[in-house]
Amino acid sequence: MSSDVLEQITEDYFRRLGYFTQRDVLYRPLIGGTHSDIDVIGINPLKKGVEKVVVVSCKAYGTGFNINNYINDLVNRPNQIIQGHARGRLFKETFDPVWSKALADKIYSLTGQKTFTFYTSTIR
């Protein structure tokens, strides 16, 4: 399954839960560099706290996704090359403080919210 299909399924899921959504929102750190994108962002005006805004990173892997293996690899082998990128770069928005701040800043500029729930949506 392509990541575009996974993004559409994820977006549809959050819309059914009452979220207004947007896909493929570009952002980058203030220091420059190439853009990254938020796969799906949703805001639900009826929710409170961190559930009001959701941010989803979609990862479509044919081999499956084991979160425990990825956490171990991020901690112990962040420079291991996977899919042409260092593993840490595949999760830069959660792994790299510069990208984490850029993501939080973008979410704030779009929603006015400083807190949100971050999900990783996967399928194999």
PDB file of N, CA and C in Angstrom:
ATOM      1  N   MET A   1       0.841  -1.173   0.000  1.00  0.00           N
ATOM      2  CA  MET A   1       0.000   0.000   0.000  1.00  0.00           C
ATOM      3  C   MET A   1       0.885   1.235   0.000  1.00  0.00           C
ATOM      4  N   SER A   2       0.526   2.205  -0.793  1.00  0.00           N
ATOM      5  CA  SER A   2       1.320   3.436  -0.845  1.00  0.00           C
ATOM      6  C   SER A   2       0.987   4.323   0.351  1.00  0.00           C
ATOM      7  N   SER A   3       1.932   5.226   0.656  1.00  0.00           N
ATOM      8  CA  SER A   3       1.701   6.133   1.780  1.00  0.00           C
ATOM      9  C   SER A   3       0.547   7.093   1.477  1.00  0.00           C
ATOM     10  N   ASP A   4       0.296   7.418   0.183  1.00  0.00           N
ATOM     11  CA  ASP A   4      -0.833   8.295  -0.164  1.00  0.00           C
ATOM     12  C   ASP A   4      -2.164   7.655   0.227  1.00  0.00           C
ATOM     13  N   VAL A   5      -2.286   6.348  -0.006  1.00  0.00           N
ATOM     14  CA  VAL A   5      -3.512   5.638   0.359  1.00  0.00           C
ATOM     15  C   VAL A   5      -3.652   5.602   1.878  1.00  0.00           C
ATOM     16  N   LEU A   6      -2.541   5.335   2.570  1.00  0.00           N
ATOM     17  CA  LEU A   6      -2.564   5.319   4.033  1.00  0.00           C
ATOM     18  C   LEU A   6      -2.937   6.696   4.585  1.00  0.00           C
ATOM     19  N   GLU A   7      -2.416   7.741   3.982  1.00  0.00           N
ATOM     20  CA  GLU A   7      -2.776   9.098   4.409  1.00  0.00           C
ATOM     21  C   GLU A   7      -4.273   9.341   4.224  1.00  0.00           C
ATOM     22  N   GLN A   8      -4.830   8.893   3.105  1.00  0.00           N
ATOM     23  CA  GLN A   8      -6.261   9.089   2.845  1.00  0.00           C
ATOM     24  C   GLN A   8      -7.101   8.317   3.858  1.00  0.00           C
ATOM     25  N   ILE A   9      -6.718   7.072   4.149  1.00  0.00           N
ATOM     26  CA  ILE A   9      -7.450   6.268   5.138  1.00  0.00           C
ATOM     27  C   ILE A   9      -7.385   6.935   6.512  1.00  0.00           C
ATOM     28  N   THR A  10      -6.197   7.419   6.872  1.00  0.00           N
ATOM     29  CA  THR A  10      -6.011   8.078   8.163  1.00  0.00           C
ATOM     30  C   THR A  10      -6.837   9.350   8.242  1.00  0.00           C
ATOM     31  N   GLU A  11      -6.807  10.136   7.184  1.00  0.00           N
ATOM     32  CA  GLU A  11      -7.594  11.366   7.150  1.00  0.00           C
ATOM     33  C   GLU A  11      -9.086  11.053   7.272  1.00  0.00           C
ATOM     34  N   ASP A  12      -9.560  10.053   6.542  1.00  0.00           N
ATOM     35  CA  ASP A  12     -10.967   9.662   6.612  1.00  0.00           C
ATOM     36  C   ASP A  12     -11.351   9.237   8.030  1.00  0.00           C
ATOM     37  N   TYR A  13     -10.466   8.499   8.694  1.00  0.00           N
ATOM     38  CA  TYR A  13     -10.714   8.043  10.062  1.00  0.00           C
ATOM     39  C   TYR A  13     -10.923   9.238  10.994  1.00  0.00           C
ATOM     40  N   PHE A  14     -10.026  10.210  10.949  1.00  0.00           N
ATOM     41  CA  PHE A  14     -10.155  11.356  11.848  1.00  0.00           C
ATOM     42  C   PHE A  14     -11.341  12.247  11.474  1.00  0.00           C
ATOM     43  N   ARG A  15     -11.683  12.321  10.212  1.00  0.00           N
ATOM     44  CA  ARG A  15     -12.876  13.085   9.821  1.00  0.00           C
ATOM     45  C   ARG A  15     -14.132  12.441  10.401  1.00  0.00           C
ATOM     46  N   ARG A  16     -14.171  11.111  10.401  1.00  0.00           N
ATOM     47  CA  ARG A  16     -15.327  10.403  10.979  1.00  0.00           C
ATOM     48  C   ARG A  16     -15.432  10.654  12.484  1.00  0.00           C
ATOM     49  N   LEU A  17     -14.295  10.981  13.115  1.00  0.00           N
ATOM     50  CA  LEU A  17     -14.292  11.291  14.545  1.00  0.00           C
ATOM     51  C   LEU A  17     -14.617  12.768  14.822  1.00  0.00           C
ATOM     52  N   GLY A  18     -14.865  13.543  13.749  1.00  0.00           N
ATOM     53  CA  GLY A  18     -15.264  14.938  13.918  1.00  0.00           C
ATOM     54  C   GLY A  18     -14.154  15.955  13.738  1.00  0.00           C
ATOM     55  N   TYR A  19     -12.999  15.519  13.259  1.00  0.00           N
ATOM     56  CA  TYR A  19     -11.878  16.440  13.054  1.00  0.00           C
ATOM     57  C   TYR A  19     -11.963  17.083  11.678  1.00  0.00           C
ATOM     58  N   PHE A  20     -11.597  18.345  11.603  1.00  0.00           N
ATOM     59  CA  PHE A  20     -11.330  19.000  10.328  1.00  0.00           C
ATOM     60  C   PHE A  20      -9.874  18.690  10.025  1.00  0.00           C
ATOM     61  N   THR A  21      -9.570  18.247   8.829  1.00  0.00           N
ATOM     62  CA  THR A  21      -8.220  17.767   8.527  1.00  0.00           C
ATOM     63  C   THR A  21      -7.604  18.473   7.330  1.00  0.00           C
ATOM     64  N   GLN A  22      -6.288  18.365   7.284  1.00  0.00           N
ATOM     65  CA  GLN A  22      -5.510  18.840   6.145  1.00  0.00           C
ATOM     66  C   GLN A  22      -4.352  17.869   5.977  1.00  0.00           C
ATOM     67  N   ARG A  23      -3.956  17.629   4.747  1.00  0.00           N
ATOM     68  CA  ARG A  23      -2.854  16.705   4.462  1.00  0.00           C
ATOM     69  C   ARG A  23      -1.689  17.429   3.825  1.00  0.00           C
ATOM     70  N   ASP A  24      -0.508  16.813   3.995  1.00  0.00           N
ATOM     71  CA  ASP A  24       0.725  17.240   3.325  1.00  0.00           C
ATOM     72  C   ASP A  24       1.043  18.716   3.561  1.00  0.00           C
ATOM     73  N   VAL A  25       1.085  19.103   4.822  1.00  0.00           N
ATOM     74  CA  VAL A  25       1.390  20.480   5.213  1.00  0.00           C
ATOM     75  C   VAL A  25       2.906  20.630   5.337  1.00  0.00           C
ATOM     76  N   LEU A  26       3.490  21.519   4.550  1.00  0.00           N
ATOM     77  CA  LEU A  26       4.938  21.707   4.568  1.00  0.00           C
ATOM     78  C   LEU A  26       5.388  22.531   5.769  1.00  0.00           C
ATOM     79  N   TYR A  27       6.554  22.170   6.285  1.00  0.00           N
ATOM     80  CA  TYR A  27       7.180  22.936   7.367  1.00  0.00           C
ATOM     81  C   TYR A  27       8.675  22.670   7.342  1.00  0.00           C
ATOM     82  N   ARG A  28       9.434  23.533   8.015  1.00  0.00           N
ATOM     83  CA  ARG A  28      10.874  23.348   8.158  1.00  0.00           C
ATOM     84  C   ARG A  28      11.378  24.238   9.292  1.00  0.00           C
ATOM     85  N   PRO A  29      12.548  23.901   9.808  1.00  0.00           N
ATOM     86  CA  PRO A  29      13.115  24.743  10.861  1.00  0.00           C
ATOM     87  C   PRO A  29      13.432  26.139  10.341  1.00  0.00           C
ATOM     88  N   LEU A  30      13.475  27.096  11.252  1.00  0.00           N
ATOM     89  CA  LEU A  30      13.795  28.471  10.881  1.00  0.00           C
ATOM     90  C   LEU A  30      15.186  28.604  10.279  1.00  0.00           C
ATOM     91  N   ILE A  31      16.092  27.687  10.640  1.00  0.00           N
ATOM     92  CA  ILE A  31      17.460  27.763  10.127  1.00  0.00           C
ATOM     93  C   ILE A  31      17.570  27.317   8.681  1.00  0.00           C
ATOM     94  N   GLY A  32      16.473  26.888   8.089  1.00  0.00           N
ATOM     95  CA  GLY A  32      16.465  26.528   6.677  1.00  0.00           C
ATOM     96  C   GLY A  32      16.539  25.033   6.456  1.00  0.00           C
ATOM     97  N   GLY A  33      17.000  24.679   5.284  1.00  0.00           N
ATOM     98  CA  GLY A  33      17.027  23.274   4.916  1.00  0.00           C
ATOM     99  C   GLY A  33      15.816  22.930   4.080  1.00  0.00           C
ATOM    100  N   THR A  34      15.707  21.666   3.753  1.00  0.00           N
ATOM    101  CA  THR A  34      14.592  21.223   2.930  1.00  0.00           C
ATOM    102  C   THR A  34      13.328  21.107   3.777  1.00  0.00           C
ATOM    103  N   HIS A  35      12.196  21.201   3.118  1.00  0.00           N
ATOM    104  CA  HIS A  35      10.917  21.067   3.798  1.00  0.00           C
ATOM    105  C   HIS A  35      10.653  19.603   4.136  1.00  0.00           C
ATOM    106  N   SER A  36       9.889  19.410   5.168  1.00  0.00           N
ATOM    107  CA  SER A  36       9.283  18.129   5.476  1.00  0.00           C
ATOM    108  C   SER A  36       7.786  18.371   5.419  1.00  0.00           C
ATOM    109  N   ASP A  37       6.993  17.343   5.643  1.00  0.00           N
ATOM    110  CA  ASP A  37       5.561  17.579   5.629  1.00  0.00           C
ATOM    111  C   ASP A  37       4.877  16.827   6.753  1.00  0.00           C
ATOM    112  N   ILE A  38       3.785  17.395   7.198  1.00  0.00           N
ATOM    113  CA  ILE A  38       2.893  16.760   8.147  1.00  0.00           C
ATOM    114  C   ILE A  38       1.906  15.977   7.291  1.00  0.00           C
ATOM    115  N   ASP A  39       1.874  14.664   7.464  1.00  0.00           N
ATOM    116  CA  ASP A  39       1.002  13.846   6.616  1.00  0.00           C
ATOM    117  C   ASP A  39      -0.469  14.191   6.824  1.00  0.00           C
ATOM    118  N   VAL A  40      -0.910  14.224   8.082  1.00  0.00           N
ATOM    119  CA  VAL A  40      -2.297  14.577   8.387  1.00  0.00           C
ATOM    120  C   VAL A  40      -2.300  15.399   9.672  1.00  0.00           C
ATOM    121  N   ILE A  41      -3.008  16.510   9.646  1.00  0.00           N
ATOM    122  CA  ILE A  41      -3.248  17.302  10.854  1.00  0.00           C
ATOM    123  C   ILE A  41      -4.755  17.457  10.972  1.00  0.00           C
ATOM    124  N   GLY A  42      -5.248  17.338  12.197  1.00  0.00           N
ATOM    125  CA  GLY A  42      -6.677  17.494  12.427  1.00  0.00           C
ATOM    126  C   GLY A  42      -6.948  18.331  13.652  1.00  0.00           C
ATOM    127  N   ILE A  43      -8.036  19.078  13.610  1.00  0.00           N
ATOM    128  CA  ILE A  43      -8.469  19.853  14.766  1.00  0.00           C
ATOM    129  C   ILE A  43      -9.960  19.593  14.972  1.00  0.00           C
ATOM    130  N   ASN A  44     -10.311  19.353  16.226  1.00  0.00           N
ATOM    131  CA  ASN A  44     -11.698  19.110  16.580  1.00  0.00           C
ATOM    132  C   ASN A  44     -12.099  20.165  17.613  1.00  0.00           C
ATOM    133  N   PRO A  45     -12.923  21.121  17.219  1.00  0.00           N
ATOM    134  CA  PRO A  45     -13.274  22.219  18.124  1.00  0.00           C
ATOM    135  C   PRO A  45     -14.066  21.768  19.349  1.00  0.00           C
ATOM    136  N   LEU A  46     -14.613  20.555  19.328  1.00  0.00           N
ATOM    137  CA  LEU A  46     -15.382  20.060  20.465  1.00  0.00           C
ATOM    138  C   LEU A  46     -14.511  19.362  21.509  1.00  0.00           C
ATOM    139  N   LYS A  47     -13.269  19.059  21.160  1.00  0.00           N
ATOM    140  CA  LYS A  47     -12.348  18.388  22.081  1.00  0.00           C
ATOM    141  C   LYS A  47     -11.594  19.425  22.904  1.00  0.00           C
ATOM    142  N   LYS A  48     -11.020  18.961  24.003  1.00  0.00           N
ATOM    143  CA  LYS A  48     -10.211  19.826  24.867  1.00  0.00           C
ATOM    144  C   LYS A  48      -8.837  19.191  25.060  1.00  0.00           C
ATOM    145  N   GLY A  49      -7.874  20.012  25.433  1.00  0.00           N
ATOM    146  CA  GLY A  49      -6.537  19.507  25.749  1.00  0.00           C
ATOM    147  C   GLY A  49      -5.808  18.963  24.537  1.00  0.00           C
ATOM    148  N   VAL A  50      -4.974  17.957  24.787  1.00  0.00           N
ATOM    149  CA  VAL A  50      -4.112  17.435  23.722  1.00  0.00           C
ATOM    150  C   VAL A  50      -4.897  16.717  22.634  1.00  0.00           C
ATOM    151  N   GLU A  51      -6.130  16.303  22.902  1.00  0.00           N
ATOM    152  CA  GLU A  51      -6.929  15.621  21.878  1.00  0.00           C
ATOM    153  C   GLU A  51      -7.584  16.590  20.897  1.00  0.00           C
ATOM    154  N   LYS A  52      -7.520  17.907  21.181  1.00  0.00           N
ATOM    155  CA  LYS A  52      -8.124  18.896  20.283  1.00  0.00           C
ATOM    156  C   LYS A  52      -7.421  18.896  18.926  1.00  0.00           C
ATOM    157  N   VAL A  53      -6.087  18.735  18.958  1.00  0.00           N
ATOM    158  CA  VAL A  53      -5.296  18.715  17.725  1.00  0.00           C
ATOM    159  C   VAL A  53      -4.555  17.385  17.643  1.00  0.00           C
ATOM    160  N   VAL A  54      -4.649  16.751  16.475  1.00  0.00           N
ATOM    161  CA  VAL A  54      -3.899  15.525  16.233  1.00  0.00           C
ATOM    162  C   VAL A  54      -2.983  15.733  15.042  1.00  0.00           C
ATOM    163  N   VAL A  55      -1.809  15.151  15.128  1.00  0.00           N
ATOM    164  CA  VAL A  55      -0.825  15.179  14.050  1.00  0.00           C
ATOM    165  C   VAL A  55      -0.453  13.729  13.777  1.00  0.00           C
ATOM    166  N   VAL A  56      -0.470  13.338  12.506  1.00  0.00           N
ATOM    167  CA  VAL A  56      -0.209  11.944  12.176  1.00  0.00           C
ATOM    168  C   VAL A  56       0.893  11.849  11.128  1.00  0.00           C
ATOM    169  N   SER A  57       1.872  11.006  11.431  1.00  0.00           N
ATOM    170  CA  SER A  57       2.911  10.647  10.471  1.00  0.00           C
ATOM    171  C   SER A  57       2.569   9.266   9.941  1.00  0.00           C
ATOM    172  N   CYS A  58       2.409   9.134   8.634  1.00  0.00           N
ATOM    173  CA  CYS A  58       2.034   7.861   8.025  1.00  0.00           C
ATOM    174  C   CYS A  58       3.274   7.156   7.494  1.00  0.00           C
ATOM    175  N   LYS A  59       3.427   5.890   7.874  1.00  0.00           N
ATOM    176  CA  LYS A  59       4.564   5.076   7.457  1.00  0.00           C
ATOM    177  C   LYS A  59       4.039   3.788   6.852  1.00  0.00           C
ATOM    178  N   ALA A  60       4.225   3.625   5.558  1.00  0.00           N
ATOM    179  CA  ALA A  60       3.771   2.416   4.869  1.00  0.00           C
ATOM    180  C   ALA A  60       4.988   1.536   4.567  1.00  0.00           C
ATOM    181  N   TYR A  61       5.100   0.441   5.299  1.00  0.00           N
ATOM    182  CA  TYR A  61       6.222  -0.484   5.128  1.00  0.00           C
ATOM    183  C   TYR A  61       5.682  -1.842   4.716  1.00  0.00           C
ATOM    184  N   GLY A  62       6.204  -2.381   3.631  1.00  0.00           N
ATOM    185  CA  GLY A  62       5.796  -3.705   3.188  1.00  0.00           C
ATOM    186  C   GLY A  62       6.215  -4.800   4.146  1.00  0.00           C
ATOM    187  N   THR A  63       7.244  -4.547   4.926  1.00  0.00           N
ATOM    188  CA  THR A  63       7.756  -5.562   5.844  1.00  0.00           C
ATOM    189  C   THR A  63       7.129  -5.473   7.222  1.00  0.00           C
ATOM    190  N   GLY A  64       6.265  -4.515   7.443  1.00  0.00           N
ATOM    191  CA  GLY A  64       5.655  -4.344   8.755  1.00  0.00           C
ATOM    192  C   GLY A  64       6.399  -3.328   9.585  1.00  0.00           C
ATOM    193  N   PHE A  65       5.844  -3.026  10.726  1.00  0.00           N
ATOM    194  CA  PHE A  65       6.389  -1.995  11.585  1.00  0.00           C
ATOM    195  C   PHE A  65       6.298  -2.475  13.022  1.00  0.00           C
ATOM    196  N   ASN A  66       7.428  -2.650  13.658  1.00  0.00           N
ATOM    197  CA  ASN A  66       7.480  -3.061  15.056  1.00  0.00           C
ATOM    198  C   ASN A  66       8.040  -1.896  15.851  1.00  0.00           C
ATOM    199  N   ILE A  67       7.186  -1.245  16.638  1.00  0.00           N
ATOM    200  CA  ILE A  67       7.588  -0.031  17.331  1.00  0.00           C
ATOM    201  C   ILE A  67       8.751  -0.277  18.282  1.00  0.00           C
ATOM    202  N   ASN A  68       8.778  -1.415  18.960  1.00  0.00           N
ATOM    203  CA  ASN A  68       9.876  -1.699  19.885  1.00  0.00           C
ATOM    204  C   ASN A  68      11.212  -1.785  19.153  1.00  0.00           C
ATOM    205  N   ASN A  69      11.222  -2.406  17.977  1.00  0.00           N
ATOM    206  CA  ASN A  69      12.452  -2.471  17.179  1.00  0.00           C
ATOM    207  C   ASN A  69      12.897  -1.076  16.740  1.00  0.00           C
ATOM    208  N   TYR A  70      11.946  -0.248  16.315  1.00  0.00           N
ATOM    209  CA  TYR A  70      12.304   1.100  15.860  1.00  0.00           C
ATOM    210  C   TYR A  70      12.835   1.967  16.991  1.00  0.00           C
ATOM    211  N   ILE A  71      12.212   1.879  18.166  1.00  0.00           N
ATOM    212  CA  ILE A  71      12.719   2.654  19.305  1.00  0.00           C
ATOM    213  C   ILE A  71      14.127   2.209  19.651  1.00  0.00           C
ATOM    214  N   ASN A  72      14.353   0.905  19.700  1.00  0.00           N
ATOM    215  CA  ASN A  72      15.689   0.382  19.976  1.00  0.00           C
ATOM    216  C   ASN A  72      16.691   0.869  18.934  1.00  0.00           C
ATOM    217  N   ASP A  73      16.317   0.810  17.667  1.00  0.00           N
ATOM    218  CA  ASP A  73      17.216   1.259  16.598  1.00  0.00           C
ATOM    219  C   ASP A  73      17.472   2.762  16.665  1.00  0.00           C
ATOM    220  N   LEU A  74      16.447   3.549  16.985  1.00  0.00           N
ATOM    221  CA  LEU A  74      16.632   4.995  17.091  1.00  0.00           C
ATOM    222  C   LEU A  74      17.603   5.340  18.208  1.00  0.00           C
ATOM    223  N   VAL A  75      17.519   4.616  19.302  1.00  0.00           N
ATOM    224  CA  VAL A  75      18.396   4.876  20.434  1.00  0.00           C
ATOM    225  C   VAL A  75      19.809   4.373  20.157  1.00  0.00           C
ATOM    226  N   ASN A  76      19.925   3.181  19.590  1.00  0.00           N
ATOM    227  CA  ASN A  76      21.229   2.531  19.455  1.00  0.00           C
ATOM    228  C   ASN A  76      21.890   2.662  18.087  1.00  0.00           C
ATOM    229  N   ARG A  77      21.088   2.889  17.033  1.00  0.00           N
ATOM    230  CA  ARG A  77      21.640   2.974  15.678  1.00  0.00           C
ATOM    231  C   ARG A  77      20.929   4.055  14.857  1.00  0.00           C
ATOM    232  N   PRO A  78      20.915   5.302  15.322  1.00  0.00           N
ATOM    233  CA  PRO A  78      20.159   6.341  14.606  1.00  0.00           C
ATOM    234  C   PRO A  78      20.725   6.661  13.226  1.00  0.00           C
ATOM    235  N   ASN A  79      21.973   6.320  12.973  1.00  0.00           N
ATOM    236  CA  ASN A  79      22.586   6.622  11.673  1.00  0.00           C
ATOM    237  C   ASN A  79      22.504   5.463  10.689  1.00  0.00           C
ATOM    238  N   GLN A  80      21.881   4.349  11.092  1.00  0.00           N
ATOM    239  CA  GLN A  80      21.698   3.214  10.189  1.00  0.00           C
ATOM    240  C   GLN A  80      20.862   3.658   8.988  1.00  0.00           C
ATOM    241  N   ILE A  81      21.293   3.292   7.784  1.00  0.00           N
ATOM    242  CA  ILE A  81      20.598   3.707   6.562  1.00  0.00           C
ATOM    243  C   ILE A  81      19.426   2.768   6.284  1.00  0.00           C
ATOM    244  N   ILE A  82      18.238   3.349   6.199  1.00  0.00           N
ATOM    245  CA  ILE A  82      17.002   2.636   5.891  1.00  0.00           C
ATOM    246  C   ILE A  82      16.275   3.450   4.835  1.00  0.00           C
ATOM    247  N   GLN A  83      15.873   2.791   3.769  1.00  0.00           N
ATOM    248  CA  GLN A  83      15.150   3.465   2.682  1.00  0.00           C
ATOM    249  C   GLN A  83      15.899   4.707   2.196  1.00  0.00           C
ATOM    250  N   GLY A  84      17.222   4.635   2.177  1.00  0.00           N
ATOM    251  CA  GLY A  84      18.042   5.723   1.660  1.00  0.00           C
ATOM    252  C   GLY A  84      18.294   6.857   2.626  1.00  0.00           C
ATOM    253  N   HIS A  85      17.809   6.744   3.862  1.00  0.00           N
ATOM    254  CA  HIS A  85      17.980   7.798   4.866  1.00  0.00           C
ATOM    255  C   HIS A  85      18.451   7.184   6.177  1.00  0.00           C
ATOM    256  N   ALA A  86      19.181   7.963   6.947  1.00  0.00           N
ATOM    257  CA  ALA A  86      19.509   7.514   8.294  1.00  0.00           C
ATOM    258  C   ALA A  86      18.205   7.339   9.055  1.00  0.00           C
ATOM    259  N   ARG A  87      18.112   6.254   9.822  1.00  0.00           N
ATOM    260  CA  ARG A  87      16.861   5.934  10.529  1.00  0.00           C
ATOM    261  C   ARG A  87      16.344   7.135  11.336  1.00  0.00           C
ATOM    262  N   GLY A  88      17.221   7.843  12.002  1.00  0.00           N
ATOM    263  CA  GLY A  88      16.804   9.008  12.781  1.00  0.00           C
ATOM    264  C   GLY A  88      16.119  10.063  11.940  1.00  0.00           C
ATOM    265  N   ARG A  89      16.475  10.154  10.640  1.00  0.00           N
ATOM    266  CA  ARG A  89      15.846  11.134   9.751  1.00  0.00           C
ATOM    267  C   ARG A  89      14.409  10.744   9.399  1.00  0.00           C
ATOM    268  N   LEU A  90      14.095   9.433   9.439  1.00  0.00           N
ATOM    269  CA  LEU A  90      12.729   9.000   9.137  1.00  0.00           C
ATOM    270  C   LEU A  90      11.746   9.429  10.235  1.00  0.00           C
ATOM    271  N   PHE A  91      12.262   9.686  11.416  1.00  0.00           N
ATOM    272  CA  PHE A  91      11.437  10.107  12.544  1.00  0.00           C
ATOM    273  C   PHE A  91      11.952  11.425  13.112  1.00  0.00           C
ATOM    274  N   LYS A  92      12.442  12.284  12.250  1.00  0.00           N
ATOM    275  CA  LYS A  92      13.110  13.500  12.713  1.00  0.00           C
ATOM    276  C   LYS A  92      12.209  14.404  13.536  1.00  0.00           C
ATOM    277  N   GLU A  93      10.910  14.406  13.255  1.00  0.00           N
ATOM    278  CA  GLU A  93      10.011  15.285  13.998  1.00  0.00           C
ATOM    279  C   GLU A  93       9.872  14.870  15.465  1.00  0.00           C
ATOM    280  N   THR A  94      10.199  13.634  15.783  1.00  0.00           N
ATOM    281  CA  THR A  94      10.154  13.186  17.177  1.00  0.00           C
ATOM    282  C   THR A  94      11.542  12.940  17.749  1.00  0.00           C
ATOM    283  N   PHE A  95      12.537  12.830  16.885  1.00  0.00           N
ATOM    284  CA  PHE A  95      13.882  12.439  17.307  1.00  0.00           C
ATOM    285  C   PHE A  95      14.846  13.612  17.386  1.00  0.00           C
ATOM    286  N   ASP A  96      14.679  14.601  16.552  1.00  0.00           N
ATOM    287  CA  ASP A  96      15.599  15.726  16.449  1.00  0.00           C
ATOM    288  C   ASP A  96      14.944  16.978  17.057  1.00  0.00           C
ATOM    289  N   PRO A  97      15.551  17.581  18.092  1.00  0.00           N
ATOM    290  CA  PRO A  97      14.943  18.748  18.752  1.00  0.00           C
ATOM    291  C   PRO A  97      14.671  19.929  17.813  1.00  0.00           C
ATOM    292  N   VAL A  98      15.510  20.136  16.816  1.00  0.00           N
ATOM    293  CA  VAL A  98      15.301  21.243  15.875  1.00  0.00           C
ATOM    294  C   VAL A  98      14.024  21.005  15.067  1.00  0.00           C
ATOM    295  N   TRP A  99      13.834  19.771  14.592  1.00  0.00           N
ATOM    296  CA  TRP A  99      12.643  19.444  13.824  1.00  0.00           C
ATOM    297  C   TRP A  99      11.408  19.366  14.714  1.00  0.00           C
ATOM    298  N   SER A 100      11.562  18.913  15.965  1.00  0.00           N
ATOM    299  CA  SER A 100      10.433  18.880  16.903  1.00  0.00           C
ATOM    300  C   SER A 100       9.898  20.288  17.128  1.00  0.00           C
ATOM    301  N   LYS A 101      10.803  21.240  17.304  1.00  0.00           N
ATOM    302  CA  LYS A 101      10.393  22.639  17.501  1.00  0.00           C
ATOM    303  C   LYS A 101       9.725  23.181  16.245  1.00  0.00           C
ATOM    304  N   ALA A 102      10.275  22.850  15.082  1.00  0.00           N
ATOM    305  CA  ALA A 102       9.673  23.312  13.828  1.00  0.00           C
ATOM    306  C   ALA A 102       8.255  22.763  13.675  1.00  0.00           C
ATOM    307  N   LEU A 103       8.063  21.507  14.033  1.00  0.00           N
ATOM    308  CA  LEU A 103       6.730  20.907  13.969  1.00  0.00           C
ATOM    309  C   LEU A 103       5.786  21.613  14.937  1.00  0.00           C
ATOM    310  N   ALA A 104       6.219  21.789  16.181  1.00  0.00           N
ATOM    311  CA  ALA A 104       5.376  22.450  17.184  1.00  0.00           C
ATOM    312  C   ALA A 104       5.030  23.878  16.760  1.00  0.00           C
ATOM    313  N   ASP A 105       6.005  24.588  16.196  1.00  0.00           N
ATOM    314  CA  ASP A 105       5.764  25.955  15.721  1.00  0.00           C
ATOM    315  C   ASP A 105       4.731  25.973  14.592  1.00  0.00           C
ATOM    316  N   LYS A 106       4.824  25.016  13.679  1.00  0.00           N
ATOM    317  CA  LYS A 106       3.875  24.956  12.559  1.00  0.00           C
ATOM    318  C   LYS A 106       2.465  24.643  13.066  1.00  0.00           C
ATOM    319  N   ILE A 107       2.368  23.688  14.000  1.00  0.00           N
ATOM    320  CA  ILE A 107       1.063  23.346  14.561  1.00  0.00           C
ATOM    321  C   ILE A 107       0.451  24.573  15.243  1.00  0.00           C
ATOM    322  N   TYR A 108       1.270  25.294  15.985  1.00  0.00           N
ATOM    323  CA  TYR A 108       0.782  26.494  16.671  1.00  0.00           C
ATOM    324  C   TYR A 108       0.319  27.550  15.660  1.00  0.00           C
ATOM    325  N   SER A 109       1.090  27.731  14.589  1.00  0.00           N
ATOM    326  CA  SER A 109       0.708  28.747  13.593  1.00  0.00           C
ATOM    327  C   SER A 109      -0.590  28.382  12.876  1.00  0.00           C
ATOM    328  N   LEU A 110      -0.879  27.099  12.731  1.00  0.00           N
ATOM    329  CA  LEU A 110      -2.102  26.660  12.044  1.00  0.00           C
ATOM    330  C   LEU A 110      -3.313  26.595  12.961  1.00  0.00           C
ATOM    331  N   THR A 111      -3.087  26.239  14.230  1.00  0.00           N
ATOM    332  CA  THR A 111      -4.216  25.944  15.111  1.00  0.00           C
ATOM    333  C   THR A 111      -4.332  26.850  16.330  1.00  0.00           C
ATOM    334  N   GLY A 112      -3.245  27.563  16.664  1.00  0.00           N
ATOM    335  CA  GLY A 112      -3.238  28.347  17.889  1.00  0.00           C
ATOM    336  C   GLY A 112      -3.073  27.495  19.137  1.00  0.00           C
ATOM    337  N   GLN A 113      -2.788  26.213  18.951  1.00  0.00           N
ATOM    338  CA  GLN A 113      -2.640  25.283  20.068  1.00  0.00           C
ATOM    339  C   GLN A 113      -1.165  24.919  20.262  1.00  0.00           C
ATOM    340  N   LYS A 114      -0.736  24.883  21.518  1.00  0.00           N
ATOM    341  CA  LYS A 114       0.644  24.507  21.825  1.00  0.00           C
ATOM    342  C   LYS A 114       0.777  23.035  22.177  1.00  0.00           C
ATOM    343  N   THR A 115      -0.340  22.369  22.421  1.00  0.00           N
ATOM    344  CA  THR A 115      -0.306  20.941  22.728  1.00  0.00           C
ATOM    345  C   THR A 115      -1.095  20.181  21.678  1.00  0.00           C
ATOM    346  N   PHE A 116      -0.662  18.966  21.416  1.00  0.00           N
ATOM    347  CA  PHE A 116      -1.338  18.116  20.441  1.00  0.00           C
ATOM    348  C   PHE A 116      -0.931  16.671  20.696  1.00  0.00           C
ATOM    349  N   THR A 117      -1.662  15.769  20.095  1.00  0.00           N
ATOM    350  CA  THR A 117      -1.338  14.349  20.158  1.00  0.00           C
ATOM    351  C   THR A 117      -0.690  13.951  18.845  1.00  0.00           C
ATOM    352  N   PHE A 118       0.461  13.277  18.934  1.00  0.00           N
ATOM    353  CA  PHE A 118       1.193  12.833  17.745  1.00  0.00           C
ATOM    354  C   PHE A 118       1.006  11.330  17.598  1.00  0.00           C
ATOM    355  N   TYR A 119       0.543  10.926  16.429  1.00  0.00           N
ATOM    356  CA  TYR A 119       0.351   9.509  16.121  1.00  0.00           C
ATOM    357  C   TYR A 119       1.251   9.114  14.961  1.00  0.00           C
ATOM    358  N   THR A 120       1.614   7.844  14.941  1.00  0.00           N
ATOM    359  CA  THR A 120       2.225   7.251  13.756  1.00  0.00           C
ATOM    360  C   THR A 120       1.246   6.213  13.247  1.00  0.00           C
ATOM    361  N   SER A 121       0.826   6.369  11.997  1.00  0.00           N
ATOM    362  CA  SER A 121      -0.109   5.446  11.366  1.00  0.00           C
ATOM    363  C   SER A 121       0.705   4.532  10.449  1.00  0.00           C
ATOM    364  N   THR A 122       0.550   3.228  10.639  1.00  0.00           N
ATOM    365  CA  THR A 122       1.318   2.280   9.834  1.00  0.00           C
ATOM    366  C   THR A 122       0.419   1.184   9.287  1.00  0.00           C
ATOM    367  N   ILE A 123       0.906   0.551   8.254  1.00  0.00           N
ATOM    368  CA  ILE A 123       0.225  -0.591   7.663  1.00  0.00           C
ATOM    369  C   ILE A 123       1.267  -1.418   6.934  1.00  0.00           C
ATOM    370  N   ARG A 124       1.009  -2.660   6.827  1.00  0.00           N
ATOM    371  CA  ARG A 124       1.905  -3.506   6.050  1.00  0.00           C
ATOM    372  C   ARG A 124       1.149  -4.330   5.056  1.00  0.00           C
TER     373      ARG A 124
END
